[in-house]
Amino acid sequence: MATFVLVPGYWLGAWAWEEVARDLRAAGHEAITVTLTGLAERADEATPEVDLDTHVDDVLTVLDGRRDVVLVAHSGATMPVTGAADRAPERLARVVYVDSAPLPSGWAQQDFNEPEQQAAIEKQVADEGDGWRIPVPAFDPAEDPQSLEGLSEEHLARMRRRATPQPFRTATQPLVRPATVPPTPKALIACTFPLDTVRHLVAAGNPAFAMLAGPEWTFHSLPTGHWPMFSRPADLAALLDELRPSAAA
C-alpha cells in the first residue's frame, strides 16, 4: 500500500480528485485529497493575505507525521507542492507533476505566462476579483479547446458550478528554493505537451523547463486536455499506481 497526497490546481478543491482517489483506494492505497486555504469548502477562509506560503504550509500540514508519500501536483499546485517538497523531502517517496512542472527559484507562477497573458490576468483580478482574486474561468471549449479536450458538458458544468476564485497572491509570490534541491524521485505526467517537445525544451535549456533535467526524473504521457482527473481519471489513477514506490523501484 502507498500513500498518495493529491493537491489540485487553481480554482479546485479536494472534490476534483474524487474519481482518481476512489480508484487508488480500490487498489489498496491511501489517497488523501487536499483543499488549499480559500478554495472550495474552505472558501470562507479566503482573504487578500492568502499567498503561496499559506498553501505551502497547507501541504506541509498534510505531510506531517507521514512517510513515503507520493505527493501529486496538478497544474497550479506545482508551486505549493514544490515548496513543501523542498522543506520536507524526508517524508516523500516521489513527487508527481500532472501537466505541470517545478519552476526555477525566484519565479512566481505568474512569471510562466507571457506578458500579454499576465496583463490580462491582472486586469481581470482588478475588474472582477476585487483586486485580490483570480475569477473562475468560463471553461468554454470554444475559447480553450486544447486545455478542455476530453471534457463532456457534464464535466464542464460541474467545474463551473464548483470552482472558486483563486487568491491572486498564490500566483504572484515567488518561490525561493534551496541552493541544493533534494534529489527526491520525480515524475512528469504530460497531457497537453508531447513528451518529445518536453525533452527538447529541457535539452535546450529553456528556463521554464530547466528544473526537469536530472537523473531523478521520469517522463510519462497521458494524452488528453489539462484536466485529466476529469477526462481520464481511471487512466490517471492507474499511472499513479505504477509510480508508487514499490512498483517504480
Foldseek 3Di string as FASTA:
>chain_A
DAEEEEEEAAQDFLVLQVLLQVLLVVVPYHYHGGGAACHFVNVVRDDLPDAQVRRLVRVLVVLPPAAQYAYEYADRSLSSSQLNCQVCVRRHQEYEYEQAHHADFPDFQLVVDDPVVSVVQQVCCVPPVVRFWRAQDQLDCVVPVQQNFQADPVRSVVSVVRGGTHGCNHRVDTHGGDPDGDLRQYEYEHASDPVVVLVVCCVVPPNRNVVQDDPSYDYHYDHGHSSCCRRPSNVVSVVVVCVRNVNVD
